[in-house]
Amino acid sequence: MHHKISFIICLLTASLFGQTTIKDKQTDYPVSYANISFGNGNGMFADDEGLFIFTEKLYSDVDSLYISALGYKPVTIATSNLEKTIYLDIDVDELNEVVIRTKIDRKFKEETLKPYLDDDYYHCWLPTIESEIAVFFPNENEEDKKIVTVHFPITLESKDWEKRNKKNAEKQPFSTLFKAKFYANKNGSPGKELLYETIVFGATEKGGDVYNLDVSNYDIMMPENGIFVSLQVLGYTDENGKLLPNKKYKEIKTGNEIVKIPTNFRPLLPFTDELEESRTFIKRVFLNNNQWSVFEKDSDVQSGLLKTGHKNYGIGLTFNVYKDE
């Protein structure tokens, strides 16, 4: 732990002159958690204040940054001309496509689709900074439904491999910031984002094997053709929940070239083999044009989970199901 703290301090000290803030051009407000792509399959995220750290010492082979955020026009900037502040213009066309939600004030009953939990290390996805996982939930009937809680299952690792499946095992500490998103169903794949607001949460080993995210204040109604709920890792945080500017990949020398391997972040995400249909999609945010791929055999996805039939991330949902007036 001491070495990790020292590394972070050194990283911050060395990077004091590499701080850049992304702001809204019209309001001068920071753009939280914007994507900063390096154009080579790697990237990072700005923090809640729109700030990110970039220096040639950390990223010597990167000559341009592609910066994007929901509701804004993306920009490409040469690292040689990187200024202290980058301004983004609002993308009116994109904002017009965000679904308008309606509040419903009438009697309801609460229903829950339970998450699928699993402590087996070999049944888990190892999340990386550039990966996002979306799970489809069909609309089973015509009743109005409001999503009030999302249940994200996580797997807690113990320090001793042999104690991984014991409840009293000492857990590996972590503090990770996630972003939750909601997508429309477009021909069976995730389409446009349904929510303009940013929803982030921090998970630690102290929270148990499921994180219950309260989204009741966002008035998210279940569309007629179903909805996709996604999870994206933003990175590790400090003890106050602030996103840390740690490097997001490792460099491994193979022959005459250096290969970048994305860093795995805890907690692990358990997948289930209890659903017959493939409801899970994945994408690498900084690769393949940010395109989704279905997580199933005979797709372009390579994963040992598919060999054992664990093809779905087991997110659960709680709804308010409204009665007809």
C-alpha atoms as a PDB file:
ATOM      1  CA  MET A   1       0.000   0.000   0.000  1.00  0.00           C
ATOM      2  CA  HIS A   2       2.890   2.356   0.838  1.00  0.00           C
ATOM      3  CA  HIS A   3       4.362   1.863  -2.627  1.00  0.00           C
ATOM      4  CA  LYS A   4       1.000   2.602  -4.258  1.00  0.00           C
ATOM      5  CA  ILE A   5       0.627   5.822  -2.289  1.00  0.00           C
ATOM      6  CA  SER A   6       4.182   6.863  -3.162  1.00  0.00           C
ATOM      7  CA  PHE A   7       3.528   6.168  -6.838  1.00  0.00           C
ATOM      8  CA  ILE A   8       0.395   8.291  -6.804  1.00  0.00           C
ATOM      9  CA  ILE A   9       2.171  11.168  -5.055  1.00  0.00           C
ATOM     10  CA  CYS A  10       5.029  11.015  -7.539  1.00  0.00           C
ATOM     11  CA  LEU A  11       2.582  10.857 -10.428  1.00  0.00           C
ATOM     12  CA  LEU A  12       0.700  13.897  -9.198  1.00  0.00           C
ATOM     13  CA  THR A  13       3.900  15.842  -8.536  1.00  0.00           C
ATOM     14  CA  ALA A  14       5.308  15.055 -11.965  1.00  0.00           C
ATOM     15  CA  SER A  15       2.040  15.997 -13.599  1.00  0.00           C
ATOM     16  CA  LEU A  16       1.291  19.340 -12.000  1.00  0.00           C
ATOM     17  CA  PHE A  17       1.970  21.103 -15.282  1.00  0.00           C
ATOM     18  CA  GLY A  18      -0.075  18.658 -17.315  1.00  0.00           C
ATOM     19  CA  GLN A  19      -3.512  19.478 -15.907  1.00  0.00           C
ATOM     20  CA  THR A  20      -6.241  20.337 -18.398  1.00  0.00           C
ATOM     21  CA  THR A  21      -9.887  21.163 -17.700  1.00  0.00           C
ATOM     22  CA  ILE A  22     -12.762  20.521 -20.108  1.00  0.00           C
ATOM     23  CA  LYS A  23     -15.540  23.124 -19.951  1.00  0.00           C
ATOM     24  CA  ASP A  24     -18.866  23.992 -21.531  1.00  0.00           C
ATOM     25  CA  LYS A  25     -18.217  26.878 -23.940  1.00  0.00           C
ATOM     26  CA  GLN A  26     -21.562  28.552 -23.237  1.00  0.00           C
ATOM     27  CA  THR A  27     -21.655  28.298 -19.438  1.00  0.00           C
ATOM     28  CA  ASP A  28     -17.977  27.890 -18.506  1.00  0.00           C
ATOM     29  CA  TYR A  29     -19.036  24.968 -16.279  1.00  0.00           C
ATOM     30  CA  PRO A  30     -16.834  21.859 -16.208  1.00  0.00           C
ATOM     31  CA  VAL A  31     -17.854  18.863 -18.327  1.00  0.00           C
ATOM     32  CA  SER A  32     -17.742  15.935 -15.915  1.00  0.00           C
ATOM     33  CA  TYR A  33     -16.321  12.534 -16.890  1.00  0.00           C
ATOM     34  CA  ALA A  34     -15.665  13.345 -20.550  1.00  0.00           C
ATOM     35  CA  ASN A  35     -13.937  10.697 -22.685  1.00  0.00           C
ATOM     36  CA  ILE A  36     -10.338  11.405 -23.691  1.00  0.00           C
ATOM     37  CA  SER A  37      -9.265   8.936 -26.381  1.00  0.00           C
ATOM     38  CA  PHE A  38      -5.633   8.602 -27.471  1.00  0.00           C
ATOM     39  CA  GLY A  39      -6.653   7.214 -30.860  1.00  0.00           C
ATOM     40  CA  ASN A  40      -4.699   3.990 -30.343  1.00  0.00           C
ATOM     41  CA  GLY A  41      -7.188   1.951 -28.331  1.00  0.00           C
ATOM     42  CA  ASN A  42      -6.377   3.601 -25.025  1.00  0.00           C
ATOM     43  CA  GLY A  43      -7.685   6.588 -23.165  1.00  0.00           C
ATOM     44  CA  MET A  44      -8.911   8.045 -19.885  1.00  0.00           C
ATOM     45  CA  PHE A  45     -11.769  10.006 -18.351  1.00  0.00           C
ATOM     46  CA  ALA A  46     -11.920  13.497 -16.914  1.00  0.00           C
ATOM     47  CA  ASP A  47     -13.002  13.703 -13.273  1.00  0.00           C
ATOM     48  CA  ASP A  48     -16.098  15.372 -11.815  1.00  0.00           C
ATOM     49  CA  GLU A  49     -14.526  18.810 -12.325  1.00  0.00           C
ATOM     50  CA  GLY A  50     -13.666  18.115 -15.970  1.00  0.00           C
ATOM     51  CA  LEU A  51      -9.986  17.803 -15.122  1.00  0.00           C
ATOM     52  CA  PHE A  52      -7.520  15.285 -16.542  1.00  0.00           C
ATOM     53  CA  ILE A  53      -3.731  14.948 -16.441  1.00  0.00           C
ATOM     54  CA  PHE A  54      -1.667  14.421 -19.577  1.00  0.00           C
ATOM     55  CA  THR A  55       2.111  14.685 -19.909  1.00  0.00           C
ATOM     56  CA  GLU A  56       4.596  13.467 -22.514  1.00  0.00           C
ATOM     57  CA  LYS A  57       6.429  11.632 -19.751  1.00  0.00           C
ATOM     58  CA  LEU A  58       3.388   9.438 -19.139  1.00  0.00           C
ATOM     59  CA  TYR A  59       2.196   9.136 -22.744  1.00  0.00           C
ATOM     60  CA  SER A  60       5.226   9.720 -24.964  1.00  0.00           C
ATOM     61  CA  ASP A  61       3.725   8.049 -28.057  1.00  0.00           C
ATOM     62  CA  VAL A  62       0.436  10.013 -28.111  1.00  0.00           C
ATOM     63  CA  ASP A  63       0.268  13.013 -30.450  1.00  0.00           C
ATOM     64  CA  SER A  64      -3.458  13.814 -30.435  1.00  0.00           C
ATOM     65  CA  LEU A  65      -6.492  13.544 -28.176  1.00  0.00           C
ATOM     66  CA  TYR A  66     -10.096  12.926 -29.230  1.00  0.00           C
ATOM     67  CA  ILE A  67     -12.429  14.407 -26.602  1.00  0.00           C
ATOM     68  CA  SER A  68     -16.146  13.630 -26.429  1.00  0.00           C
ATOM     69  CA  ALA A  69     -19.074  13.858 -24.020  1.00  0.00           C
ATOM     70  CA  LEU A  70     -22.819  13.301 -24.275  1.00  0.00           C
ATOM     71  CA  GLY A  71     -24.526  16.445 -25.532  1.00  0.00           C
ATOM     72  CA  TYR A  72     -21.361  18.043 -26.944  1.00  0.00           C
ATOM     73  CA  LYS A  73     -19.580  18.161 -30.294  1.00  0.00           C
ATOM     74  CA  PRO A  74     -16.338  16.123 -30.138  1.00  0.00           C
ATOM     75  CA  VAL A  75     -12.982  17.775 -30.760  1.00  0.00           C
ATOM     76  CA  THR A  76      -9.531  16.530 -31.770  1.00  0.00           C
ATOM     77  CA  ILE A  77      -6.549  18.363 -30.296  1.00  0.00           C
ATOM     78  CA  ALA A  78      -2.829  17.935 -30.902  1.00  0.00           C
ATOM     79  CA  THR A  79      -0.961  17.239 -27.660  1.00  0.00           C
ATOM     80  CA  SER A  80       1.689  19.753 -28.714  1.00  0.00           C
ATOM     81  CA  ASN A  81      -1.006  22.461 -28.507  1.00  0.00           C
ATOM     82  CA  LEU A  82      -2.707  21.234 -25.353  1.00  0.00           C
ATOM     83  CA  GLU A  83      -3.954  24.215 -23.340  1.00  0.00           C
ATOM     84  CA  LYS A  84      -5.043  24.509 -19.717  1.00  0.00           C
ATOM     85  CA  THR A  85      -8.706  24.691 -20.737  1.00  0.00           C
ATOM     86  CA  ILE A  86     -10.571  22.993 -23.577  1.00  0.00           C
ATOM     87  CA  TYR A  87     -14.053  24.255 -24.459  1.00  0.00           C
ATOM     88  CA  LEU A  88     -16.772  22.052 -25.945  1.00  0.00           C
ATOM     89  CA  ASP A  89     -19.756  23.284 -27.961  1.00  0.00           C
ATOM     90  CA  ILE A  90     -23.233  21.924 -27.225  1.00  0.00           C
ATOM     91  CA  ASP A  91     -24.560  19.511 -29.853  1.00  0.00           C
ATOM     92  CA  VAL A  92     -28.188  20.597 -30.197  1.00  0.00           C
ATOM     93  CA  ASP A  93     -29.114  17.707 -32.514  1.00  0.00           C
ATOM     94  CA  GLU A  94     -27.912  15.131 -30.013  1.00  0.00           C
ATOM     95  CA  LEU A  95     -29.726  16.754 -27.112  1.00  0.00           C
ATOM     96  CA  ASN A  96     -32.973  16.801 -29.083  1.00  0.00           C
ATOM     97  CA  GLU A  97     -32.818  13.009 -29.376  1.00  0.00           C
ATOM     98  CA  VAL A  98     -32.636  12.410 -25.630  1.00  0.00           C
ATOM     99  CA  VAL A  99     -35.919  10.872 -24.479  1.00  0.00           C
ATOM    100  CA  ILE A 100     -38.190  13.120 -22.402  1.00  0.00           C
ATOM    101  CA  ARG A 101     -39.322  11.385 -19.221  1.00  0.00           C
ATOM    102  CA  THR A 102     -42.703  11.849 -17.558  1.00  0.00           C
ATOM    103  CA  LYS A 103     -43.468  11.761 -13.856  1.00  0.00           C
ATOM    104  CA  ILE A 104     -46.319   9.506 -12.814  1.00  0.00           C
ATOM    105  CA  ASP A 105     -48.215  10.171  -9.592  1.00  0.00           C
ATOM    106  CA  ARG A 106     -50.515   7.231  -8.930  1.00  0.00           C
ATOM    107  CA  LYS A 107     -50.627   3.963  -6.994  1.00  0.00           C
ATOM    108  CA  PHE A 108     -48.055   1.302  -7.763  1.00  0.00           C
ATOM    109  CA  LYS A 109     -46.704  -2.039  -6.638  1.00  0.00           C
ATOM    110  CA  GLU A 110     -42.999  -2.765  -6.399  1.00  0.00           C
ATOM    111  CA  GLU A 111     -41.459  -5.639  -8.336  1.00  0.00           C
ATOM    112  CA  THR A 112     -37.838  -6.807  -8.348  1.00  0.00           C
ATOM    113  CA  LEU A 113     -35.804  -8.804 -10.820  1.00  0.00           C
ATOM    114  CA  LYS A 114     -33.061 -10.173  -8.581  1.00  0.00           C
ATOM    115  CA  PRO A 115     -29.409  -9.918  -9.620  1.00  0.00           C
ATOM    116  CA  TYR A 116     -27.386 -13.059 -10.305  1.00  0.00           C
ATOM    117  CA  LEU A 117     -24.600 -13.357  -7.727  1.00  0.00           C
ATOM    118  CA  ASP A 118     -21.520 -15.544  -8.000  1.00  0.00           C
ATOM    119  CA  ASP A 119     -18.297 -15.670  -5.960  1.00  0.00           C
ATOM    120  CA  ASP A 120     -16.419 -17.903  -8.398  1.00  0.00           C
ATOM    121  CA  TYR A 121     -13.420 -16.020  -9.788  1.00  0.00           C
ATOM    122  CA  TYR A 122     -13.601 -17.998 -13.044  1.00  0.00           C
ATOM    123  CA  HIS A 123     -17.174 -16.869 -13.708  1.00  0.00           C
ATOM    124  CA  CYS A 124     -16.237 -13.185 -13.612  1.00  0.00           C
ATOM    125  CA  TRP A 125     -15.486 -10.471 -16.108  1.00  0.00           C
ATOM    126  CA  LEU A 126     -12.314  -8.485 -15.390  1.00  0.00           C
ATOM    127  CA  PRO A 127     -13.347  -4.876 -16.113  1.00  0.00           C
ATOM    128  CA  THR A 128     -10.906  -2.515 -17.820  1.00  0.00           C
ATOM    129  CA  ILE A 129     -11.004   1.231 -18.278  1.00  0.00           C
ATOM    130  CA  GLU A 130     -12.091   1.027 -21.910  1.00  0.00           C
ATOM    131  CA  SER A 131     -14.867  -1.538 -21.495  1.00  0.00           C
ATOM    132  CA  GLU A 132     -18.605  -1.006 -21.010  1.00  0.00           C
ATOM    133  CA  ILE A 133     -21.198  -3.732 -20.393  1.00  0.00           C
ATOM    134  CA  ALA A 134     -24.896  -3.296 -21.262  1.00  0.00           C
ATOM    135  CA  VAL A 135     -27.704  -5.692 -20.336  1.00  0.00           C
ATOM    136  CA  PHE A 136     -31.102  -5.803 -22.066  1.00  0.00           C
ATOM    137  CA  PHE A 137     -34.350  -5.906 -20.083  1.00  0.00           C
ATOM    138  CA  PRO A 138     -37.458  -6.642 -22.176  1.00  0.00           C
ATOM    139  CA  ASN A 139     -40.785  -5.017 -21.390  1.00  0.00           C
ATOM    140  CA  GLU A 140     -42.966  -8.015 -20.524  1.00  0.00           C
ATOM    141  CA  ASN A 141     -46.351  -6.242 -20.627  1.00  0.00           C
ATOM    142  CA  GLU A 142     -48.094  -2.915 -21.262  1.00  0.00           C
ATOM    143  CA  GLU A 143     -48.077  -1.685 -17.666  1.00  0.00           C
ATOM    144  CA  ASP A 144     -46.262   1.579 -16.926  1.00  0.00           C
ATOM    145  CA  LYS A 145     -43.010   0.879 -15.089  1.00  0.00           C
ATOM    146  CA  LYS A 146     -40.527   3.215 -13.478  1.00  0.00           C
ATOM    147  CA  ILE A 147     -37.028   1.944 -12.697  1.00  0.00           C
ATOM    148  CA  VAL A 148     -36.200   2.876  -9.104  1.00  0.00           C
ATOM    149  CA  THR A 149     -33.159   0.721  -8.260  1.00  0.00           C
ATOM    150  CA  VAL A 150     -30.455  -1.011 -10.282  1.00  0.00           C
ATOM    151  CA  HIS A 151     -28.747  -3.948  -8.561  1.00  0.00           C
ATOM    152  CA  PHE A 152     -25.183  -4.338  -9.840  1.00  0.00           C
ATOM    153  CA  PRO A 153     -23.624  -7.649  -8.705  1.00  0.00           C
ATOM    154  CA  ILE A 154     -19.917  -7.618  -7.841  1.00  0.00           C
ATOM    155  CA  THR A 155     -17.464 -10.273  -6.692  1.00  0.00           C
ATOM    156  CA  LEU A 156     -15.284  -9.651  -3.657  1.00  0.00           C
ATOM    157  CA  GLU A 157     -11.825 -11.214  -3.663  1.00  0.00           C
ATOM    158  CA  SER A 158      -9.997 -12.331  -0.551  1.00  0.00           C
ATOM    159  CA  LYS A 159      -6.280 -11.857   0.031  1.00  0.00           C
ATOM    160  CA  ASP A 160      -5.790 -15.609   0.315  1.00  0.00           C
ATOM    161  CA  TRP A 161      -6.777 -17.520  -2.823  1.00  0.00           C
ATOM    162  CA  GLU A 162      -8.007 -20.493  -0.784  1.00  0.00           C
ATOM    163  CA  LYS A 163     -10.391 -18.246   1.179  1.00  0.00           C
ATOM    164  CA  ARG A 164     -12.158 -16.683  -1.810  1.00  0.00           C
ATOM    165  CA  ASN A 165     -15.412 -18.538  -1.195  1.00  0.00           C
ATOM    166  CA  LYS A 166     -15.496 -18.000   2.568  1.00  0.00           C
ATOM    167  CA  LYS A 167     -17.714 -15.220   3.906  1.00  0.00           C
ATOM    168  CA  ASN A 168     -15.320 -14.397   6.750  1.00  0.00           C
ATOM    169  CA  ALA A 169     -12.289 -14.026   4.463  1.00  0.00           C
ATOM    170  CA  GLU A 170     -10.480 -10.694   4.544  1.00  0.00           C
ATOM    171  CA  LYS A 171     -11.358  -8.878   1.332  1.00  0.00           C
ATOM    172  CA  GLN A 172      -8.947  -7.112  -0.993  1.00  0.00           C
ATOM    173  CA  PRO A 173      -9.574  -3.366  -0.558  1.00  0.00           C
ATOM    174  CA  PHE A 174     -10.634  -1.247  -3.522  1.00  0.00           C
ATOM    175  CA  SER A 175     -12.486   1.964  -4.242  1.00  0.00           C
ATOM    176  CA  THR A 176     -13.701   2.186  -7.838  1.00  0.00           C
ATOM    177  CA  LEU A 177     -15.827   4.792  -9.584  1.00  0.00           C
ATOM    178  CA  PHE A 178     -18.470   3.540 -12.032  1.00  0.00           C
ATOM    179  CA  LYS A 179     -20.839   5.245 -14.447  1.00  0.00           C
ATOM    180  CA  ALA A 180     -24.350   3.878 -15.012  1.00  0.00           C
ATOM    181  CA  LYS A 181     -26.131   4.512 -18.330  1.00  0.00           C
ATOM    182  CA  PHE A 182     -29.488   3.722 -19.928  1.00  0.00           C
ATOM    183  CA  TYR A 183     -29.962   3.052 -23.645  1.00  0.00           C
ATOM    184  CA  ALA A 184     -32.912   2.682 -25.974  1.00  0.00           C
ATOM    185  CA  ASN A 185     -33.409  -0.636 -27.750  1.00  0.00           C
ATOM    186  CA  LYS A 186     -32.449  -0.146 -31.404  1.00  0.00           C
ATOM    187  CA  ASN A 187     -33.163  -3.313 -33.374  1.00  0.00           C
ATOM    188  CA  GLY A 188     -31.971  -5.501 -30.510  1.00  0.00           C
ATOM    189  CA  SER A 189     -28.821  -3.508 -29.692  1.00  0.00           C
ATOM    190  CA  PRO A 190     -28.106  -0.494 -27.448  1.00  0.00           C
ATOM    191  CA  GLY A 191     -29.129   2.697 -29.233  1.00  0.00           C
ATOM    192  CA  LYS A 192     -29.318   6.298 -28.042  1.00  0.00           C
ATOM    193  CA  GLU A 193     -28.732   7.187 -24.418  1.00  0.00           C
ATOM    194  CA  LEU A 194     -32.005   7.887 -22.627  1.00  0.00           C
ATOM    195  CA  LEU A 195     -30.650  10.037 -19.831  1.00  0.00           C
ATOM    196  CA  TYR A 196     -28.742  13.294 -20.138  1.00  0.00           C
ATOM    197  CA  GLU A 197     -27.722  13.452 -16.478  1.00  0.00           C
ATOM    198  CA  THR A 198     -24.509  11.742 -15.388  1.00  0.00           C
ATOM    199  CA  ILE A 199     -24.940   8.946 -12.825  1.00  0.00           C
ATOM    200  CA  VAL A 200     -21.767   7.807 -11.084  1.00  0.00           C
ATOM    201  CA  PHE A 201     -21.185   5.808  -7.914  1.00  0.00           C
ATOM    202  CA  GLY A 202     -18.269   4.476  -5.934  1.00  0.00           C
ATOM    203  CA  ALA A 203     -18.070   0.835  -4.907  1.00  0.00           C
ATOM    204  CA  THR A 204     -15.821  -0.620  -2.197  1.00  0.00           C
ATOM    205  CA  GLU A 205     -15.302  -4.069  -0.686  1.00  0.00           C
ATOM    206  CA  LYS A 206     -17.327  -2.924   2.351  1.00  0.00           C
ATOM    207  CA  GLY A 207     -20.568  -2.738   0.370  1.00  0.00           C
ATOM    208  CA  GLY A 208     -21.077  -6.471  -0.039  1.00  0.00           C
ATOM    209  CA  ASP A 209     -21.642  -8.502  -3.189  1.00  0.00           C
ATOM    210  CA  VAL A 210     -24.214  -6.202  -4.817  1.00  0.00           C
ATOM    211  CA  TYR A 211     -24.374  -2.432  -5.231  1.00  0.00           C
ATOM    212  CA  ASN A 212     -27.936  -1.080  -5.079  1.00  0.00           C
ATOM    213  CA  LEU A 213     -28.059   2.123  -7.104  1.00  0.00           C
ATOM    214  CA  ASP A 214     -31.056   4.345  -6.335  1.00  0.00           C
ATOM    215  CA  VAL A 215     -32.260   6.002  -9.568  1.00  0.00           C
ATOM    216  CA  SER A 216     -35.772   6.876  -8.383  1.00  0.00           C
ATOM    217  CA  ASN A 217     -35.190  10.633  -8.784  1.00  0.00           C
ATOM    218  CA  TYR A 218     -34.436  10.313 -12.517  1.00  0.00           C
ATOM    219  CA  ASP A 219     -37.957   9.197 -13.554  1.00  0.00           C
ATOM    220  CA  ILE A 220     -36.696   6.502 -15.928  1.00  0.00           C
ATOM    221  CA  MET A 221     -39.696   4.803 -17.527  1.00  0.00           C
ATOM    222  CA  MET A 222     -39.457   1.427 -19.216  1.00  0.00           C
ATOM    223  CA  PRO A 223     -39.857   1.911 -23.018  1.00  0.00           C
ATOM    224  CA  GLU A 224     -42.339  -0.287 -24.878  1.00  0.00           C
ATOM    225  CA  ASN A 225     -39.575  -2.274 -26.570  1.00  0.00           C
ATOM    226  CA  GLY A 226     -37.343  -2.642 -23.498  1.00  0.00           C
ATOM    227  CA  ILE A 227     -34.228  -0.939 -22.189  1.00  0.00           C
ATOM    228  CA  PHE A 228     -30.479  -1.492 -21.886  1.00  0.00           C
ATOM    229  CA  VAL A 229     -28.757  -0.765 -18.565  1.00  0.00           C
ATOM    230  CA  SER A 230     -24.974  -0.434 -18.651  1.00  0.00           C
ATOM    231  CA  LEU A 231     -21.968  -0.204 -16.371  1.00  0.00           C
ATOM    232  CA  GLN A 232     -18.677   1.492 -17.213  1.00  0.00           C
ATOM    233  CA  VAL A 233     -15.602   1.660 -14.996  1.00  0.00           C
ATOM    234  CA  LEU A 234     -14.025   5.109 -14.725  1.00  0.00           C
ATOM    235  CA  GLY A 235     -11.081   4.189 -12.492  1.00  0.00           C
ATOM    236  CA  TYR A 236      -9.893   3.994  -8.919  1.00  0.00           C
ATOM    237  CA  THR A 237     -10.651   6.741  -6.413  1.00  0.00           C
ATOM    238  CA  ASP A 238      -9.013   8.183  -3.329  1.00  0.00           C
ATOM    239  CA  GLU A 239     -10.547   7.810   0.142  1.00  0.00           C
ATOM    240  CA  ASN A 240     -12.893  10.720  -0.602  1.00  0.00           C
ATOM    241  CA  GLY A 241     -14.241   9.176  -3.806  1.00  0.00           C
ATOM    242  CA  LYS A 242     -12.233  11.462  -6.104  1.00  0.00           C
ATOM    243  CA  LEU A 243     -11.140   9.884  -9.390  1.00  0.00           C
ATOM    244  CA  LEU A 244      -7.400   9.217  -9.375  1.00  0.00           C
ATOM    245  CA  PRO A 245      -5.246  10.073 -12.408  1.00  0.00           C
ATOM    246  CA  ASN A 246      -3.533   6.686 -12.459  1.00  0.00           C
ATOM    247  CA  LYS A 247      -2.275   5.154 -15.692  1.00  0.00           C
ATOM    248  CA  LYS A 248      -4.864   2.955 -17.362  1.00  0.00           C
ATOM    249  CA  TYR A 249      -2.616   0.398 -19.083  1.00  0.00           C
ATOM    250  CA  LYS A 250       0.638  -1.501 -18.694  1.00  0.00           C
ATOM    251  CA  GLU A 251       3.423  -1.498 -21.254  1.00  0.00           C
ATOM    252  CA  ILE A 252       4.974  -4.881 -22.083  1.00  0.00           C
ATOM    253  CA  LYS A 253       7.953  -5.156 -24.425  1.00  0.00           C
ATOM    254  CA  THR A 254       7.687  -8.008 -26.933  1.00  0.00           C
ATOM    255  CA  GLY A 255      10.610  -8.128 -29.358  1.00  0.00           C
ATOM    256  CA  ASN A 256      11.028  -4.694 -30.916  1.00  0.00           C
ATOM    257  CA  GLU A 257       7.604  -3.331 -30.011  1.00  0.00           C
ATOM    258  CA  ILE A 258       5.792  -2.293 -26.862  1.00  0.00           C
ATOM    259  CA  VAL A 259       2.298  -3.714 -26.360  1.00  0.00           C
ATOM    260  CA  LYS A 260      -0.197  -1.831 -24.200  1.00  0.00           C
ATOM    261  CA  ILE A 261      -2.313  -4.077 -21.963  1.00  0.00           C
ATOM    262  CA  PRO A 262      -5.362  -2.449 -20.308  1.00  0.00           C
ATOM    263  CA  THR A 263      -5.276  -2.503 -16.509  1.00  0.00           C
ATOM    264  CA  ASN A 264      -7.872  -4.696 -14.810  1.00  0.00           C
ATOM    265  CA  PHE A 265      -9.919  -2.963 -12.128  1.00  0.00           C
ATOM    266  CA  ARG A 266     -11.613  -4.477  -9.104  1.00  0.00           C
ATOM    267  CA  PRO A 267     -14.272  -5.470  -8.288  1.00  0.00           C
ATOM    268  CA  LEU A 268     -14.771  -8.348 -10.686  1.00  0.00           C
ATOM    269  CA  LEU A 269     -18.209  -8.610 -12.316  1.00  0.00           C
ATOM    270  CA  PRO A 270     -19.938 -12.013 -12.081  1.00  0.00           C
ATOM    271  CA  PHE A 271     -21.549 -13.446 -15.223  1.00  0.00           C
ATOM    272  CA  THR A 272     -24.325 -16.034 -15.179  1.00  0.00           C
ATOM    273  CA  ASP A 273     -25.201 -19.122 -17.223  1.00  0.00           C
ATOM    274  CA  GLU A 274     -28.823 -19.146 -16.029  1.00  0.00           C
ATOM    275  CA  LEU A 275     -30.255 -17.102 -18.911  1.00  0.00           C
ATOM    276  CA  GLU A 276     -30.706 -18.886 -22.233  1.00  0.00           C
ATOM    277  CA  GLU A 277     -30.810 -15.844 -24.506  1.00  0.00           C
ATOM    278  CA  SER A 278     -27.852 -13.488 -24.914  1.00  0.00           C
ATOM    279  CA  ARG A 279     -28.891 -10.200 -23.293  1.00  0.00           C
ATOM    280  CA  THR A 280     -25.421  -8.755 -22.747  1.00  0.00           C
ATOM    281  CA  PHE A 281     -23.493  -6.449 -25.070  1.00  0.00           C
ATOM    282  CA  ILE A 282     -19.978  -5.097 -24.627  1.00  0.00           C
ATOM    283  CA  LYS A 283     -17.877  -2.428 -26.252  1.00  0.00           C
ATOM    284  CA  ARG A 284     -14.432  -0.945 -25.943  1.00  0.00           C
ATOM    285  CA  VAL A 285     -15.008   2.772 -25.638  1.00  0.00           C
ATOM    286  CA  PHE A 286     -11.738   3.780 -27.288  1.00  0.00           C
ATOM    287  CA  LEU A 287     -11.770   1.134 -30.054  1.00  0.00           C
ATOM    288  CA  ASN A 288     -13.893   0.017 -33.021  1.00  0.00           C
ATOM    289  CA  ASN A 289     -15.662   3.353 -33.313  1.00  0.00           C
ATOM    290  CA  ASN A 290     -17.279   2.788 -29.935  1.00  0.00           C
ATOM    291  CA  GLN A 291     -19.463   0.037 -31.432  1.00  0.00           C
ATOM    292  CA  TRP A 292     -21.365  -2.619 -29.441  1.00  0.00           C
ATOM    293  CA  SER A 293     -20.895  -6.383 -29.838  1.00  0.00           C
ATOM    294  CA  VAL A 294     -23.236  -9.045 -28.497  1.00  0.00           C
ATOM    295  CA  PHE A 295     -21.560 -11.257 -25.896  1.00  0.00           C
ATOM    296  CA  GLU A 296     -22.127 -14.731 -27.315  1.00  0.00           C
ATOM    297  CA  LYS A 297     -20.410 -17.536 -29.167  1.00  0.00           C
ATOM    298  CA  ASP A 298     -19.827 -17.092 -32.908  1.00  0.00           C
ATOM    299  CA  SER A 299     -19.470 -13.323 -32.385  1.00  0.00           C
ATOM    300  CA  ASP A 300     -16.288 -11.270 -32.649  1.00  0.00           C
ATOM    301  CA  VAL A 301     -15.897 -11.415 -28.857  1.00  0.00           C
ATOM    302  CA  GLN A 302     -13.166 -13.608 -27.380  1.00  0.00           C
ATOM    303  CA  SER A 303     -13.711 -14.674 -23.765  1.00  0.00           C
ATOM    304  CA  GLY A 304     -13.253 -17.794 -21.685  1.00  0.00           C
ATOM    305  CA  LEU A 305     -16.642 -17.067 -20.088  1.00  0.00           C
ATOM    306  CA  LEU A 306     -18.395 -18.015 -23.308  1.00  0.00           C
ATOM    307  CA  LYS A 307     -16.838 -21.483 -23.243  1.00  0.00           C
ATOM    308  CA  THR A 308     -18.653 -22.220 -19.962  1.00  0.00           C
ATOM    309  CA  GLY A 309     -21.943 -20.604 -20.991  1.00  0.00           C
ATOM    310  CA  HIS A 310     -21.550 -17.537 -18.756  1.00  0.00           C
ATOM    311  CA  LYS A 311     -22.768 -15.084 -21.369  1.00  0.00           C
ATOM    312  CA  ASN A 312     -24.737 -12.546 -19.339  1.00  0.00           C
ATOM    313  CA  TYR A 313     -23.867 -10.000 -16.674  1.00  0.00           C
ATOM    314  CA  GLY A 314     -26.486 -10.538 -13.965  1.00  0.00           C
ATOM    315  CA  ILE A 315     -27.853  -7.051 -13.291  1.00  0.00           C
ATOM    316  CA  GLY A 316     -31.132  -6.841 -11.356  1.00  0.00           C
ATOM    317  CA  LEU A 317     -33.836  -4.145 -11.395  1.00  0.00           C
ATOM    318  CA  THR A 318     -36.563  -2.908  -9.067  1.00  0.00           C
ATOM    319  CA  PHE A 319     -39.630  -1.248 -10.652  1.00  0.00           C
ATOM    320  CA  ASN A 320     -42.629   0.703  -9.569  1.00  0.00           C
ATOM    321  CA  VAL A 321     -45.406  -0.927 -11.593  1.00  0.00           C
ATOM    322  CA  TYR A 322     -48.314   1.510 -11.836  1.00  0.00           C
ATOM    323  CA  LYS A 323     -51.950   0.433 -11.653  1.00  0.00           C
ATOM    324  CA  ASP A 324     -54.462   1.488 -14.276  1.00  0.00           C
ATOM    325  CA  GLU A 325     -56.624   4.398 -13.155  1.00  0.00           C
END
